[in-house]
Amino acid sequence: MGFSIVISSAVIFISLFASLAIILSITSSIYKANDAIVNSAKINSQINNTSIRISSITLDTNDRKHLIITLNNDGKSKLFNYTYFDLIVTYDADINGNMIQVTEQLRYNDSSLLEGQWTISIQNDIVDPKILNPNEVAIIDAMLSNNVAPNGRIIVTISTDNGSIATLAIQL
């Protein structure tokens, strides 16, 4: 009779322990899922609050490799991770007198303008130096690897670190 009580108690203890383990596992999974949803909402909010626009592209007439791009921050986000921006330029290059379409991905350089790179300067940058605040305008200087052909086409695409994209095409 005493042995059956011990076995009954053991079965009840094992059942309670298994139930507790299942409840803790489910609670942990719910917490992880909730955390993922919150992080996803934050990222979506950052993307929705970011809006950029290329308002002009100018080719330097003295150096046909040098582009001057005007970038407007029309959103609510401050932009500053320029190293993680992508600047892609597709243009008609003048290579040995032939017009050839070339696509280049230029890298950000915070100090000097070199071939295959770009720099940024913000107009009237008084508040938050080197940060492109909402409603501010930046000038991007880009140095291509080849001269742009006369009467050529230039397409500039820039994306921010969180994936907002702006594109502008011009015909010279």
Protein backbone atom coordinates (compact mmCIF):
# COMPACT_ATOMS: atom_id res chain seq x y z
CA MET A 1 0.00 0.00 0.00
CA GLY A 2 2.84 2.41 0.80
CA PHE A 3 4.54 1.56 -2.48
CA SER A 4 1.49 2.58 -4.54
CA ILE A 5 1.45 6.00 -2.84
CA VAL A 6 5.11 6.51 -3.75
CA ILE A 7 4.44 5.54 -7.38
CA SER A 8 1.36 7.81 -7.52
CA SER A 9 3.37 10.69 -6.08
CA ALA A 10 6.17 10.07 -8.59
CA VAL A 11 3.73 10.07 -11.52
CA ILE A 12 2.14 13.32 -10.27
CA PHE A 13 5.60 14.91 -9.78
CA ILE A 14 6.75 13.89 -13.25
CA SER A 15 3.50 15.18 -14.78
CA LEU A 16 3.83 18.52 -13.00
CA PHE A 17 7.52 18.80 -13.97
CA ALA A 18 6.74 18.00 -17.64
CA SER A 19 3.86 20.51 -17.64
CA LEU A 20 6.11 23.19 -16.16
CA ALA A 21 8.82 22.50 -18.77
CA ILE A 22 6.25 22.77 -21.59
CA ILE A 23 4.84 26.03 -20.20
CA LEU A 24 8.34 27.55 -19.89
CA SER A 25 9.20 26.49 -23.43
CA ILE A 26 6.01 28.03 -24.83
CA THR A 27 6.56 31.24 -22.83
CA SER A 28 10.12 31.51 -24.15
CA SER A 29 8.92 31.04 -27.73
CA ILE A 30 6.23 33.68 -27.29
CA TYR A 31 8.80 36.12 -25.88
CA LYS A 32 11.17 35.53 -28.83
CA ALA A 33 8.35 35.95 -31.35
CA ASN A 34 7.22 39.17 -29.67
CA ASP A 35 10.79 40.51 -29.67
CA ALA A 36 11.10 39.76 -33.40
CA ILE A 37 7.81 41.56 -34.12
CA VAL A 38 8.92 44.64 -32.13
CA ASN A 39 12.29 44.76 -33.96
CA SER A 40 10.56 44.37 -37.32
CA ALA A 41 8.20 47.23 -36.47
CA LYS A 42 11.16 49.47 -35.55
CA ILE A 43 12.92 48.73 -38.84
CA ASN A 44 9.73 49.35 -40.85
CA SER A 45 9.22 52.63 -39.00
CA GLN A 46 12.77 53.75 -39.86
CA ILE A 47 12.25 52.88 -43.52
CA ASN A 48 8.86 54.63 -43.63
CA ASN A 49 10.34 57.76 -42.01
CA THR A 50 13.20 57.95 -44.53
CA SER A 51 12.65 59.69 -47.83
CA ILE A 52 15.41 60.97 -50.09
CA ARG A 53 15.28 62.66 -53.48
CA ILE A 54 17.93 63.49 -56.05
CA SER A 55 16.97 66.93 -57.31
CA SER A 56 19.81 67.46 -59.80
CA ILE A 57 22.86 65.95 -61.46
CA THR A 58 25.50 68.19 -62.97
CA LEU A 59 28.55 67.15 -64.95
CA ASP A 60 31.67 69.26 -64.36
CA THR A 61 32.53 70.70 -67.77
CA ASN A 62 36.26 70.90 -66.93
CA ASP A 63 36.50 67.31 -65.66
CA ARG A 64 33.97 65.03 -67.37
CA LYS A 65 34.52 62.37 -64.67
CA HIS A 66 33.23 64.64 -61.88
CA LEU A 67 29.50 64.56 -61.04
CA ILE A 68 27.79 66.96 -58.67
CA ILE A 69 24.59 65.47 -57.24
CA THR A 70 22.07 67.36 -55.10
CA LEU A 71 20.40 65.12 -52.52
CA ASN A 72 17.38 66.21 -50.47
CA ASN A 73 16.30 64.60 -47.20
CA ASP A 74 12.50 64.80 -47.49
CA GLY A 75 11.81 62.36 -44.65
CA LYS A 76 11.85 62.46 -40.86
CA SER A 77 15.04 60.46 -40.28
CA LYS A 78 18.54 61.82 -39.74
CA LEU A 79 21.01 60.29 -42.19
CA PHE A 80 24.64 59.78 -41.21
CA ASN A 81 25.84 56.21 -41.96
CA TYR A 82 27.24 57.22 -45.35
CA THR A 83 29.67 54.29 -45.37
CA TYR A 84 26.62 52.02 -45.68
CA PHE A 85 25.00 54.04 -48.48
CA ASP A 86 25.18 52.69 -52.03
CA LEU A 87 25.84 55.08 -54.91
CA ILE A 88 25.51 53.47 -58.34
CA VAL A 89 26.05 55.41 -61.56
CA THR A 90 25.24 54.11 -65.02
CA TYR A 91 26.52 56.37 -67.77
CA ASP A 92 27.64 56.53 -71.37
CA ALA A 93 31.42 56.61 -71.14
CA ASP A 94 33.79 57.98 -73.73
CA ILE A 95 36.39 55.19 -74.00
CA ASN A 96 38.89 55.66 -76.83
CA GLY A 97 36.35 57.69 -78.78
CA ASN A 98 33.60 55.06 -78.43
CA MET A 99 30.42 55.50 -76.42
CA ILE A 100 30.11 52.51 -74.04
CA GLN A 101 27.56 52.14 -71.26
CA VAL A 102 29.30 51.62 -67.91
CA THR A 103 27.89 50.95 -64.44
CA GLU A 104 29.97 51.80 -61.39
CA GLN A 105 29.34 51.39 -57.67
CA LEU A 106 31.18 54.22 -55.97
CA ARG A 107 32.52 54.03 -52.41
CA TYR A 108 32.09 56.73 -49.77
CA ASN A 109 35.22 58.64 -48.74
CA ASP A 110 34.86 61.16 -45.93
CA SER A 111 38.01 63.13 -46.69
CA SER A 112 39.04 63.46 -50.35
CA LEU A 113 37.51 62.83 -53.75
CA LEU A 114 39.27 60.05 -55.62
CA GLU A 115 38.36 58.05 -58.71
CA GLY A 116 35.57 55.56 -57.96
CA GLN A 117 34.57 57.38 -54.77
CA TRP A 118 32.17 60.04 -53.50
CA THR A 119 32.06 62.64 -50.74
CA ILE A 120 29.20 64.53 -49.16
CA SER A 121 28.84 68.09 -47.87
CA ILE A 122 25.69 69.47 -46.32
CA GLN A 123 24.53 72.99 -47.13
CA ASN A 124 24.12 75.29 -44.11
CA ASP A 125 25.27 72.48 -41.82
CA ILE A 126 24.94 74.30 -38.50
CA VAL A 127 22.87 71.85 -36.46
CA ASP A 128 24.33 68.32 -36.19
CA PRO A 129 27.48 68.66 -38.31
CA LYS A 130 27.92 65.93 -40.95
CA ILE A 131 24.36 64.67 -40.36
CA LEU A 132 21.78 65.14 -43.10
CA ASN A 133 18.78 66.25 -41.05
CA PRO A 134 15.20 66.32 -42.37
CA ASN A 135 14.66 69.11 -44.92
CA GLU A 136 18.40 69.63 -45.41
CA VAL A 137 20.19 69.47 -48.77
CA ALA A 138 23.50 67.75 -49.41
CA ILE A 139 25.93 68.05 -52.29
CA ILE A 140 27.52 64.78 -53.34
CA ASP A 141 30.72 64.98 -55.35
CA ALA A 142 31.35 61.75 -57.29
CA MET A 143 34.42 60.88 -59.33
CA LEU A 144 33.84 58.34 -62.10
CA SER A 145 36.49 56.10 -63.63
CA ASN A 146 35.84 57.30 -67.21
CA ASN A 147 34.84 60.51 -68.91
CA VAL A 148 31.15 60.86 -69.66
CA ALA A 149 30.53 60.95 -73.40
CA PRO A 150 29.17 64.14 -74.98
CA ASN A 151 25.41 63.79 -75.44
CA GLY A 152 25.58 60.79 -73.09
CA ARG A 153 23.09 59.63 -70.51
CA ILE A 154 23.68 59.48 -66.73
CA ILE A 155 21.54 57.51 -64.27
CA VAL A 156 22.29 57.93 -60.56
CA THR A 157 20.81 55.67 -57.89
CA ILE A 158 21.50 56.14 -54.19
CA SER A 159 20.21 54.05 -51.31
CA THR A 160 20.50 54.76 -47.61
CA ASP A 161 21.67 52.37 -44.94
CA ASN A 162 18.06 51.33 -44.27
CA GLY A 163 17.10 50.76 -47.90
CA SER A 164 15.41 53.99 -49.03
CA ILE A 165 16.22 54.61 -52.69
CA ALA A 166 16.30 57.62 -55.02
CA THR A 167 17.06 57.60 -58.74
CA LEU A 168 17.43 60.33 -61.34
CA ALA A 169 18.39 60.11 -65.02
CA ILE A 170 19.57 62.93 -67.26
CA GLN A 171 20.50 63.23 -70.91
CA LEU A 172 23.37 65.61 -71.66
